[in-house]
Each structure stands twice: as C-alpha cells, then as structure tokens.
Protein backbone atom coordinates (compact mmCIF):
# COMPACT_ATOMS: atom_id res chain seq x y z
CA MET A 1 40.64 14.94 -36.76
CA LEU A 2 38.94 16.14 -33.58
CA THR A 3 38.31 19.55 -35.12
CA SER A 4 36.58 18.04 -38.16
CA LEU A 5 34.36 15.86 -35.94
CA MET A 6 33.36 18.89 -33.89
CA THR A 7 32.68 20.92 -37.03
CA ASN A 8 30.49 18.14 -38.48
CA PHE A 9 28.60 17.80 -35.17
CA LEU A 10 27.91 21.55 -34.96
CA LYS A 11 26.83 21.64 -38.62
CA THR A 12 24.38 18.76 -38.00
CA ILE A 13 22.89 20.54 -35.01
CA ARG A 14 22.62 23.84 -36.88
CA ASP A 15 20.95 22.17 -39.89
CA ASN A 16 18.39 20.46 -37.65
CA LEU A 17 18.01 23.22 -35.06
CA ARG A 18 14.31 23.77 -35.70
CA THR A 19 13.55 20.05 -35.27
CA HIS A 20 15.60 19.84 -32.07
CA LEU A 21 13.88 22.91 -30.60
CA LEU A 22 10.40 21.59 -31.43
CA LEU A 23 11.18 18.20 -29.90
CA GLY A 24 12.60 19.91 -26.81
CA LEU A 25 9.51 22.10 -26.46
CA LEU A 26 7.19 19.12 -26.92
CA PHE A 27 9.17 17.19 -24.31
CA LEU A 28 8.87 20.08 -21.83
CA LEU A 29 5.12 20.45 -22.46
CA ILE A 30 4.57 16.79 -21.65
CA VAL A 31 7.14 15.94 -18.99
CA VAL A 32 6.93 19.02 -16.76
CA PRO A 33 3.14 18.91 -16.15
CA LEU A 34 3.24 15.14 -15.81
CA SER A 35 6.03 15.34 -13.23
CA ALA A 36 4.19 18.05 -11.30
CA ALA A 37 0.96 16.04 -11.28
CA MET A 38 2.71 12.89 -10.07
CA THR A 39 4.51 14.80 -7.33
CA ILE A 40 1.25 16.29 -6.09
CA MET A 41 -0.42 12.86 -6.14
CA VAL A 42 2.39 11.29 -4.12
CA LEU A 43 2.40 14.09 -1.57
CA TYR A 44 -1.34 14.33 -1.04
CA GLU A 45 -2.70 10.82 -1.74
CA GLY A 46 -4.51 9.69 1.34
CA ASP A 47 -3.64 12.88 3.21
CA THR A 48 -7.07 12.92 4.87
CA SER A 49 -6.56 9.41 6.25
CA LYS A 50 -3.23 10.15 8.00
CA PRO A 51 -4.84 11.00 11.37
CA TYR A 52 -6.12 7.42 11.62
CA VAL A 53 -2.68 5.79 11.51
CA PRO A 54 -1.94 6.35 15.25
CA GLU A 55 -5.27 4.72 16.10
CA LEU A 56 -4.43 1.75 13.87
CA ARG A 57 -1.06 1.40 15.65
CA LYS A 58 -2.85 1.53 19.00
CA ILE A 59 -5.26 -1.21 17.90
CA ALA A 60 -2.30 -3.27 16.67
CA ASP A 61 -0.57 -2.89 20.04
CA GLN A 62 -3.73 -4.02 21.87
CA THR A 63 -4.32 -7.03 19.62
CA PRO A 64 -2.99 -10.31 21.04
CA LEU A 65 -0.29 -12.05 19.04
CA TYR A 66 -0.41 -15.68 18.11
CA PRO A 67 2.15 -17.59 20.23
CA GLY A 68 5.38 -17.90 18.33
CA PHE A 69 4.80 -14.95 15.98
CA GLN A 70 8.04 -13.11 15.16
CA ARG A 71 7.54 -9.62 13.76
CA THR A 72 9.32 -9.08 10.44
CA GLY A 73 8.06 -5.67 9.39
CA GLU A 74 5.27 -3.19 8.98
CA LYS A 75 3.92 -0.88 6.30
CA VAL A 76 1.36 1.94 6.12
CA VAL A 77 -0.73 2.47 2.99
CA LEU A 78 -2.96 5.54 2.73
CA LYS A 79 -5.85 5.92 0.31
CA GLN A 80 -8.33 8.75 -0.05
CA LYS A 81 -10.77 7.42 2.57
CA MET A 82 -8.92 4.37 3.84
CA ALA A 83 -5.79 3.64 5.84
CA TYR A 84 -4.00 0.29 6.10
CA PHE A 85 -1.42 -0.72 8.69
CA PHE A 86 0.22 -4.02 7.70
CA THR A 87 2.12 -5.95 10.36
CA ASN A 88 4.14 -8.90 9.05
CA TYR A 89 5.11 -12.00 11.00
CA GLN A 90 6.81 -15.35 10.60
CA CYS A 91 5.72 -18.49 12.37
CA ASP A 92 5.82 -22.23 11.73
CA ALA A 93 2.12 -22.70 12.57
CA GLN A 94 -0.61 -23.60 10.12
CA PHE A 95 -2.80 -20.73 8.92
CA ALA A 96 -5.91 -22.58 10.11
CA ASP A 97 -4.50 -22.62 13.66
CA ILE A 98 -3.81 -18.89 13.49
CA GLN A 99 -7.32 -18.22 12.22
CA ALA A 100 -8.78 -20.31 15.05
CA PHE A 101 -6.74 -18.37 17.63
CA TYR A 102 -8.05 -15.02 16.35
CA ALA A 103 -11.60 -16.39 16.02
CA ARG A 104 -11.46 -16.85 19.81
CA ALA A 105 -9.41 -13.77 20.80
CA LEU A 106 -10.87 -10.96 18.68
CA PRO A 107 -14.57 -11.35 19.62
CA GLN A 108 -13.49 -11.13 23.29
CA GLN A 109 -12.15 -7.65 22.48
CA GLY A 110 -15.41 -6.54 20.84
CA TRP A 111 -14.61 -7.38 17.21
CA THR A 112 -17.48 -8.73 15.10
CA PRO A 113 -16.44 -11.97 13.36
CA PRO A 114 -16.44 -12.17 9.56
CA LYS A 115 -19.74 -13.12 7.91
CA ARG A 116 -18.08 -15.26 5.22
CA THR A 117 -21.06 -14.99 2.84
CA ASN A 118 -18.88 -15.22 -0.30
CA SER A 119 -21.30 -12.92 -2.10
CA ILE A 120 -20.48 -11.58 -5.54
CA LEU A 121 -20.37 -7.98 -4.30
CA TYR A 122 -17.36 -7.43 -2.06
CA ASP A 123 -18.17 -6.42 1.50
CA MET A 124 -15.38 -5.98 4.06
CA ASN A 125 -17.61 -7.69 6.62
CA ASP A 126 -17.36 -10.92 4.60
CA ASP A 127 -13.79 -11.77 5.58
CA HIS A 128 -12.65 -9.11 8.07
CA TYR A 129 -13.26 -8.63 11.77
CA ARG A 130 -15.03 -5.33 12.41
CA ARG A 131 -15.40 -2.79 15.21
CA GLY A 132 -16.96 0.49 14.08
CA ASP A 133 -15.02 1.88 11.13
CA TYR A 134 -12.01 -0.36 11.86
CA PHE A 135 -11.29 -3.79 10.44
CA ILE A 136 -8.75 -6.55 11.02
CA ALA A 137 -7.78 -8.97 8.28
CA LEU A 138 -5.60 -12.07 8.58
CA GLU A 139 -3.52 -12.99 5.55
CA GLN A 140 -1.00 -15.63 4.58
CA ASP A 141 1.70 -14.99 2.02
CA GLY A 142 0.96 -17.51 -0.70
CA ALA A 143 4.61 -17.75 -1.74
CA ARG A 144 5.89 -18.48 1.78
CA SER A 145 3.87 -20.72 4.04
CA ASN A 146 5.47 -19.36 7.23
CA SER A 147 4.79 -15.67 6.45
CA PHE A 148 1.62 -13.99 7.74
CA SER A 149 0.13 -10.50 7.99
CA ILE A 150 -2.36 -8.89 10.26
CA VAL A 151 -3.83 -5.86 8.48
CA PHE A 152 -5.46 -3.13 10.51
CA ILE A 153 -7.80 -1.03 8.38
CA TRP A 154 -9.71 2.20 8.80
CA ALA A 155 -12.55 2.30 6.24
CA PRO A 156 -15.63 4.31 7.13
CA GLN A 157 -18.80 2.64 5.86
C-alpha cells in the first residue's frame, strides 16, 4: 500500500517536472529580490536620522511632566529626514488641562506655541510646539481617554 502511494507520487512529480521547475524558478525570481529589497529597506530606512534620537531623548528628559503622568512606554520611529520619539503616559486628567499645562510650561523653555491656523496645507507649526528643527506634539489616544503621548520630533524645515 505504502509502496504504491510512493510510486504514484513519484510518477506524478516526474510527469509534471517541467511545470514544477518553472514554478520554482518563477518563485525564486520574485521572492528572492523582493526579500532582499525589504531587508535593505528595514535596515537603512531613516538611517540618516539616527543621530538625532539622543537629542530627542535629551529634550524629553528636560521637558516637564504633567503632574500625575505615569510613563507607560516609548517608541522611536525613523524616517528619511525625520525622527520621532514617542513617550506614552496614563493620567486621569482631561486633555484640555494637559494642553493648558504645556501651553504655560513649553514657552518658558523657548518653544514657540502652535499657530493653530487650520490651513488646508499641513504645516507642523499649526499644531506643534517648535524650537529650531525640533517639535513637540501632544496627543490623546482616542480609544482610551486616560492615555496620552508627548511626541518629540526632529524635522528640518
């Protein structure tokens, strides 16, 4: 029984060998270059912005925290000419109170307040605090009312 199954399997492969080889070759011609390209993109995406991450961490350390903020995590995102350092917090305060706190604290440290022009063209100055090529954005997680982020951004203009 087992011998006849094996014989039938080998006969099927031998009869369709050309088709199997062509499909294998096509697979290799598509998958190998695609895998190599994706690996290169992952390794080198934002590579030129990596030197700015320590400065973003330094700015984050110097930025006052809203009373009652409890740090829940952080994340770095690198783009070709941008770097983001997300710091996540939990707090039972209202987002408006947090915004008011930073509207007082950040200008004292030399940050230009947001313009809030709501123009059609997006400008980081519209809703981010700015100092040189660095920006600070305040965000609230829409799904969780007690979850907030302060995003430190390097984005040369």
